[in-house]
Amino acid sequence: MVELAKIALEFVGVFLIVYLGYYFFIYKKAKRFDRKKMPTNIKYLVFKYNINVVKIGYKRVLKTLMFCDSFIVALLFSVTRFVDNIYIRLIIAFILIFPLFAGIYHLVAMHYKKESE
């Protein structure tokens, strides 16, 4: 039971560190929507799912993706913490990161598509 609490605390700690990093380094600097300067994750949603960022709200989409990215990093950290070998841990994280990003971004895009209709 104590081990489960440690894992949950590590997850929350990593989540908060990554989220606050995104908040201070990306969200605070974002002024207005600019097609040329938008982050890669928003470009992915715009080009793949044809999301209208202006209609939904640039800051709102950015905040949602900050939350999702922080969740993905914390989840990868928690899942791979059981592997002691750093090379195997990196390989597992590399294999898991693409399906996680694709799946969660797909859910976010479907949510915004349904909301904008």
N, C-alpha and C. Protein backbone atom coordinates (compact mmCIF):
# COMPACT_ATOMS: atom_id res chain seq x y z
N MET A 1 0.81 -1.19 0.00
CA MET A 1 0.00 0.00 0.00
C MET A 1 0.86 1.26 0.00
N VAL A 2 1.96 1.20 0.75
CA VAL A 2 2.87 2.34 0.81
C VAL A 2 3.52 2.55 -0.55
N GLU A 3 3.84 1.45 -1.23
CA GLU A 3 4.46 1.54 -2.56
C GLU A 3 3.52 2.19 -3.56
N LEU A 4 2.25 1.88 -3.47
CA LEU A 4 1.26 2.48 -4.36
C LEU A 4 1.14 3.99 -4.10
N ALA A 5 1.22 4.38 -2.86
CA ALA A 5 1.18 5.80 -2.52
C ALA A 5 2.41 6.53 -3.05
N LYS A 6 3.58 5.87 -2.99
CA LYS A 6 4.80 6.47 -3.54
C LYS A 6 4.68 6.68 -5.04
N ILE A 7 4.14 5.68 -5.73
CA ILE A 7 3.97 5.78 -7.18
C ILE A 7 3.01 6.91 -7.53
N ALA A 8 1.90 7.00 -6.79
CA ALA A 8 0.93 8.08 -7.04
C ALA A 8 1.54 9.45 -6.76
N LEU A 9 2.32 9.55 -5.71
CA LEU A 9 2.97 10.82 -5.38
C LEU A 9 4.00 11.21 -6.44
N GLU A 10 4.75 10.22 -6.95
CA GLU A 10 5.70 10.50 -8.03
C GLU A 10 4.97 10.96 -9.28
N PHE A 11 3.84 10.31 -9.59
CA PHE A 11 3.06 10.69 -10.76
C PHE A 11 2.60 12.14 -10.63
N VAL A 12 2.05 12.49 -9.48
CA VAL A 12 1.56 13.85 -9.26
C VAL A 12 2.72 14.85 -9.30
N GLY A 13 3.85 14.48 -8.72
CA GLY A 13 5.00 15.37 -8.72
C GLY A 13 5.53 15.64 -10.13
N VAL A 14 5.68 14.59 -10.92
CA VAL A 14 6.16 14.76 -12.29
C VAL A 14 5.13 15.54 -13.10
N PHE A 15 3.86 15.25 -12.91
CA PHE A 15 2.81 15.97 -13.62
C PHE A 15 2.88 17.46 -13.33
N LEU A 16 3.00 17.82 -12.06
CA LEU A 16 3.04 19.24 -11.69
C LEU A 16 4.29 19.94 -12.20
N ILE A 17 5.42 19.25 -12.16
CA ILE A 17 6.66 19.86 -12.65
C ILE A 17 6.57 20.13 -14.15
N VAL A 18 6.09 19.16 -14.90
CA VAL A 18 5.98 19.33 -16.35
C VAL A 18 4.92 20.39 -16.68
N TYR A 19 3.79 20.35 -15.99
CA TYR A 19 2.72 21.32 -16.26
C TYR A 19 3.18 22.74 -15.96
N LEU A 20 3.84 22.93 -14.83
CA LEU A 20 4.32 24.27 -14.49
C LEU A 20 5.41 24.74 -15.45
N GLY A 21 6.23 23.80 -15.92
CA GLY A 21 7.23 24.16 -16.93
C GLY A 21 6.57 24.64 -18.21
N TYR A 22 5.57 23.89 -18.67
CA TYR A 22 4.81 24.31 -19.85
C TYR A 22 4.14 25.67 -19.61
N TYR A 23 3.57 25.83 -18.43
CA TYR A 23 2.84 27.05 -18.13
C TYR A 23 3.75 28.28 -18.19
N PHE A 24 4.90 28.20 -17.54
CA PHE A 24 5.75 29.37 -17.48
C PHE A 24 6.55 29.61 -18.75
N PHE A 25 6.91 28.56 -19.49
CA PHE A 25 7.74 28.75 -20.66
C PHE A 25 6.97 28.85 -21.97
N ILE A 26 5.75 28.33 -22.01
CA ILE A 26 4.99 28.35 -23.27
C ILE A 26 3.72 29.18 -23.13
N TYR A 27 2.91 28.89 -22.13
CA TYR A 27 1.60 29.54 -22.00
C TYR A 27 1.74 31.04 -21.72
N LYS A 28 2.66 31.42 -20.86
CA LYS A 28 2.84 32.83 -20.53
C LYS A 28 3.32 33.64 -21.73
N LYS A 29 4.11 32.99 -22.63
CA LYS A 29 4.64 33.70 -23.80
C LYS A 29 3.64 33.78 -24.94
N ALA A 30 2.60 32.97 -24.91
CA ALA A 30 1.62 32.96 -26.00
C ALA A 30 0.74 34.19 -25.90
N LYS A 31 0.79 34.98 -26.92
CA LYS A 31 0.00 36.21 -26.93
C LYS A 31 -1.31 36.01 -27.69
N ARG A 32 -1.18 35.86 -29.00
CA ARG A 32 -2.33 35.68 -29.88
C ARG A 32 -2.04 34.52 -30.82
N PHE A 33 -3.06 34.09 -31.51
CA PHE A 33 -2.91 33.01 -32.47
C PHE A 33 -2.17 33.53 -33.70
N ASP A 34 -1.09 32.86 -34.05
CA ASP A 34 -0.33 33.19 -35.26
C ASP A 34 0.03 31.88 -35.94
N ARG A 35 -0.43 31.70 -37.15
CA ARG A 35 -0.21 30.45 -37.88
C ARG A 35 1.27 30.11 -38.03
N LYS A 36 2.10 31.11 -38.15
CA LYS A 36 3.53 30.86 -38.37
C LYS A 36 4.26 30.49 -37.09
N LYS A 37 3.76 30.94 -35.95
CA LYS A 37 4.46 30.72 -34.68
C LYS A 37 3.74 29.75 -33.74
N MET A 38 2.72 29.04 -34.21
CA MET A 38 2.00 28.15 -33.30
C MET A 38 2.83 26.90 -33.01
N PRO A 39 2.68 26.34 -31.81
CA PRO A 39 3.44 25.15 -31.42
C PRO A 39 3.11 23.94 -32.31
N THR A 40 4.01 22.98 -32.30
CA THR A 40 3.88 21.81 -33.16
C THR A 40 2.65 20.99 -32.82
N ASN A 41 2.31 20.86 -31.55
CA ASN A 41 1.15 20.04 -31.20
C ASN A 41 -0.16 20.67 -31.70
N ILE A 42 -0.23 21.98 -31.74
CA ILE A 42 -1.42 22.62 -32.29
C ILE A 42 -1.42 22.50 -33.82
N LYS A 43 -0.24 22.59 -34.44
CA LYS A 43 -0.15 22.37 -35.89
C LYS A 43 -0.65 20.98 -36.26
N TYR A 44 -0.30 20.00 -35.43
CA TYR A 44 -0.74 18.63 -35.67
C TYR A 44 -2.27 18.55 -35.66
N LEU A 45 -2.90 19.16 -34.68
CA LEU A 45 -4.36 19.13 -34.61
C LEU A 45 -5.00 19.88 -35.78
N VAL A 46 -4.41 20.99 -36.18
CA VAL A 46 -4.98 21.79 -37.26
C VAL A 46 -4.87 21.04 -38.59
N PHE A 47 -3.72 20.48 -38.88
CA PHE A 47 -3.52 19.85 -40.18
C PHE A 47 -4.13 18.46 -40.28
N LYS A 48 -4.06 17.68 -39.20
CA LYS A 48 -4.60 16.31 -39.28
C LYS A 48 -6.11 16.27 -39.09
N TYR A 49 -6.62 17.04 -38.13
CA TYR A 49 -8.05 16.96 -37.79
C TYR A 49 -8.85 18.18 -38.24
N ASN A 50 -8.18 19.15 -38.83
CA ASN A 50 -8.84 20.35 -39.34
C ASN A 50 -9.62 21.08 -38.24
N ILE A 51 -8.97 21.29 -37.12
CA ILE A 51 -9.56 21.99 -35.98
C ILE A 51 -9.45 23.50 -36.21
N ASN A 52 -10.52 24.22 -35.97
CA ASN A 52 -10.51 25.67 -36.09
C ASN A 52 -10.11 26.26 -34.74
N VAL A 53 -8.84 26.59 -34.61
CA VAL A 53 -8.30 27.06 -33.34
C VAL A 53 -8.83 28.45 -32.99
N VAL A 54 -9.08 29.26 -33.99
CA VAL A 54 -9.57 30.61 -33.73
C VAL A 54 -10.98 30.55 -33.14
N LYS A 55 -11.82 29.68 -33.68
CA LYS A 55 -13.21 29.56 -33.20
C LYS A 55 -13.26 29.00 -31.78
N ILE A 56 -12.44 28.00 -31.51
CA ILE A 56 -12.44 27.36 -30.19
C ILE A 56 -11.75 28.26 -29.16
N GLY A 57 -10.67 28.87 -29.56
CA GLY A 57 -9.88 29.70 -28.65
C GLY A 57 -8.47 29.14 -28.54
N TYR A 58 -7.51 29.91 -28.95
CA TYR A 58 -6.11 29.47 -28.98
C TYR A 58 -5.61 29.11 -27.58
N LYS A 59 -5.87 29.98 -26.62
CA LYS A 59 -5.38 29.73 -25.26
C LYS A 59 -6.05 28.50 -24.64
N ARG A 60 -7.30 28.27 -24.98
CA ARG A 60 -8.02 27.11 -24.45
C ARG A 60 -7.44 25.81 -24.99
N VAL A 61 -7.17 25.78 -26.29
CA VAL A 61 -6.56 24.59 -26.89
C VAL A 61 -5.16 24.39 -26.34
N LEU A 62 -4.41 25.46 -26.20
CA LEU A 62 -3.06 25.36 -25.66
C LEU A 62 -3.07 24.82 -24.23
N LYS A 63 -4.02 25.27 -23.43
CA LYS A 63 -4.12 24.80 -22.05
C LYS A 63 -4.49 23.32 -21.98
N THR A 64 -5.39 22.89 -22.87
CA THR A 64 -5.78 21.48 -22.92
C THR A 64 -4.60 20.60 -23.32
N LEU A 65 -3.85 21.05 -24.32
CA LEU A 65 -2.70 20.26 -24.77
C LEU A 65 -1.57 20.28 -23.75
N MET A 66 -1.43 21.35 -22.98
CA MET A 66 -0.45 21.35 -21.89
C MET A 66 -0.82 20.29 -20.86
N PHE A 67 -2.09 20.21 -20.53
CA PHE A 67 -2.55 19.20 -19.58
C PHE A 67 -2.30 17.79 -20.11
N CYS A 68 -2.62 17.56 -21.39
CA CYS A 68 -2.44 16.24 -22.00
C CYS A 68 -0.97 15.85 -22.08
N ASP A 69 -0.12 16.79 -22.47
CA ASP A 69 1.30 16.50 -22.56
C ASP A 69 1.89 16.18 -21.18
N SER A 70 1.47 16.91 -20.18
CA SER A 70 1.95 16.65 -18.82
C SER A 70 1.49 15.28 -18.34
N PHE A 71 0.25 14.92 -18.66
CA PHE A 71 -0.26 13.60 -18.29
C PHE A 71 0.54 12.49 -18.98
N ILE A 72 0.85 12.67 -20.25
CA ILE A 72 1.59 11.65 -20.99
C ILE A 72 2.99 11.47 -20.42
N VAL A 73 3.68 12.56 -20.13
CA VAL A 73 5.03 12.46 -19.58
C VAL A 73 5.01 11.80 -18.20
N ALA A 74 4.06 12.19 -17.36
CA ALA A 74 3.96 11.59 -16.03
C ALA A 74 3.61 10.10 -16.12
N LEU A 75 2.72 9.75 -17.05
CA LEU A 75 2.36 8.35 -17.22
C LEU A 75 3.55 7.52 -17.71
N LEU A 76 4.29 8.05 -18.66
CA LEU A 76 5.48 7.34 -19.14
C LEU A 76 6.51 7.18 -18.03
N PHE A 77 6.69 8.19 -17.23
CA PHE A 77 7.63 8.10 -16.12
C PHE A 77 7.18 7.03 -15.13
N SER A 78 5.90 6.98 -14.83
CA SER A 78 5.38 6.02 -13.86
C SER A 78 5.42 4.59 -14.39
N VAL A 79 5.13 4.42 -15.67
CA VAL A 79 5.12 3.08 -16.25
C VAL A 79 6.53 2.51 -16.37
N THR A 80 7.49 3.36 -16.71
CA THR A 80 8.85 2.86 -16.93
C THR A 80 9.72 2.90 -15.67
N ARG A 81 9.18 3.29 -14.56
CA ARG A 81 10.00 3.38 -13.35
C ARG A 81 10.41 2.01 -12.81
N PHE A 82 9.73 0.97 -13.25
CA PHE A 82 10.03 -0.37 -12.76
C PHE A 82 11.23 -1.00 -13.47
N VAL A 83 11.67 -0.41 -14.56
CA VAL A 83 12.79 -0.94 -15.34
C VAL A 83 14.07 -0.28 -14.82
N ASP A 84 15.04 -1.11 -14.44
CA ASP A 84 16.28 -0.60 -13.87
C ASP A 84 17.30 -0.20 -14.93
N ASN A 85 17.34 -0.92 -16.04
CA ASN A 85 18.29 -0.64 -17.10
C ASN A 85 17.82 0.60 -17.88
N ILE A 86 18.69 1.60 -17.96
CA ILE A 86 18.29 2.87 -18.57
C ILE A 86 18.03 2.72 -20.06
N TYR A 87 18.77 1.85 -20.74
CA TYR A 87 18.58 1.69 -22.18
C TYR A 87 17.25 1.02 -22.50
N ILE A 88 16.90 0.01 -21.72
CA ILE A 88 15.61 -0.66 -21.92
C ILE A 88 14.48 0.30 -21.55
N ARG A 89 14.68 1.09 -20.52
CA ARG A 89 13.67 2.07 -20.12
C ARG A 89 13.43 3.09 -21.24
N LEU A 90 14.49 3.56 -21.87
CA LEU A 90 14.35 4.50 -22.98
C LEU A 90 13.66 3.86 -24.19
N ILE A 91 13.97 2.61 -24.45
CA ILE A 91 13.33 1.91 -25.57
C ILE A 91 11.83 1.74 -25.30
N ILE A 92 11.48 1.35 -24.09
CA ILE A 92 10.06 1.20 -23.73
C ILE A 92 9.34 2.54 -23.83
N ALA A 93 9.97 3.60 -23.33
CA ALA A 93 9.34 4.92 -23.40
C ALA A 93 9.19 5.37 -24.86
N PHE A 94 10.19 5.09 -25.68
CA PHE A 94 10.13 5.46 -27.09
C PHE A 94 9.01 4.72 -27.81
N ILE A 95 8.82 3.46 -27.47
CA ILE A 95 7.75 2.66 -28.09
C ILE A 95 6.38 3.14 -27.63
N LEU A 96 6.24 3.50 -26.37
CA LEU A 96 4.94 3.89 -25.82
C LEU A 96 4.54 5.33 -26.13
N ILE A 97 5.50 6.19 -26.41
CA ILE A 97 5.17 7.61 -26.53
C ILE A 97 4.32 7.91 -27.76
N PHE A 98 4.57 7.24 -28.87
CA PHE A 98 3.82 7.55 -30.09
C PHE A 98 2.35 7.12 -30.02
N PRO A 99 2.05 5.91 -29.56
CA PRO A 99 0.62 5.57 -29.42
C PRO A 99 -0.10 6.43 -28.38
N LEU A 100 0.60 6.80 -27.30
CA LEU A 100 -0.03 7.66 -26.29
C LEU A 100 -0.37 9.04 -26.86
N PHE A 101 0.58 9.65 -27.53
CA PHE A 101 0.31 10.95 -28.13
C PHE A 101 -0.79 10.87 -29.18
N ALA A 102 -0.72 9.87 -30.04
CA ALA A 102 -1.73 9.73 -31.10
C ALA A 102 -3.11 9.49 -30.50
N GLY A 103 -3.22 8.64 -29.51
CA GLY A 103 -4.51 8.33 -28.90
C GLY A 103 -5.11 9.51 -28.15
N ILE A 104 -4.32 10.15 -27.34
CA ILE A 104 -4.85 11.26 -26.54
C ILE A 104 -5.15 12.47 -27.42
N TYR A 105 -4.31 12.74 -28.40
CA TYR A 105 -4.58 13.86 -29.31
C TYR A 105 -5.82 13.57 -30.16
N HIS A 106 -6.04 12.31 -30.49
CA HIS A 106 -7.24 11.95 -31.24
C HIS A 106 -8.49 12.23 -30.39
N LEU A 107 -8.44 11.87 -29.12
CA LEU A 107 -9.58 12.13 -28.22
C LEU A 107 -9.83 13.64 -28.06
N VAL A 108 -8.76 14.40 -27.94
CA VAL A 108 -8.89 15.85 -27.82
C VAL A 108 -9.49 16.43 -29.09
N ALA A 109 -9.02 15.97 -30.24
CA ALA A 109 -9.53 16.47 -31.52
C ALA A 109 -11.00 16.12 -31.71
N MET A 110 -11.39 14.91 -31.35
CA MET A 110 -12.80 14.53 -31.48
C MET A 110 -13.68 15.35 -30.54
N HIS A 111 -13.16 15.65 -29.36
CA HIS A 111 -13.91 16.49 -28.41
C HIS A 111 -14.12 17.88 -28.99
N TYR A 112 -13.08 18.47 -29.53
CA TYR A 112 -13.21 19.82 -30.10
C TYR A 112 -14.02 19.82 -31.38
N LYS A 113 -13.96 18.76 -32.16
CA LYS A 113 -14.77 18.66 -33.38
C LYS A 113 -16.25 18.62 -33.00
N LYS A 114 -16.58 17.79 -32.01
CA LYS A 114 -17.98 17.67 -31.56
C LYS A 114 -18.45 18.99 -30.96
N GLU A 115 -17.60 19.65 -30.23
CA GLU A 115 -17.97 20.90 -29.59
C GLU A 115 -18.19 22.02 -30.59
N SER A 116 -17.41 22.04 -31.66
CA SER A 116 -17.51 23.13 -32.63
C SER A 116 -18.70 22.97 -33.58
N GLU A 117 -19.31 21.80 -33.60
CA GLU A 117 -20.46 21.59 -34.49
C GLU A 117 -21.75 22.13 -33.91
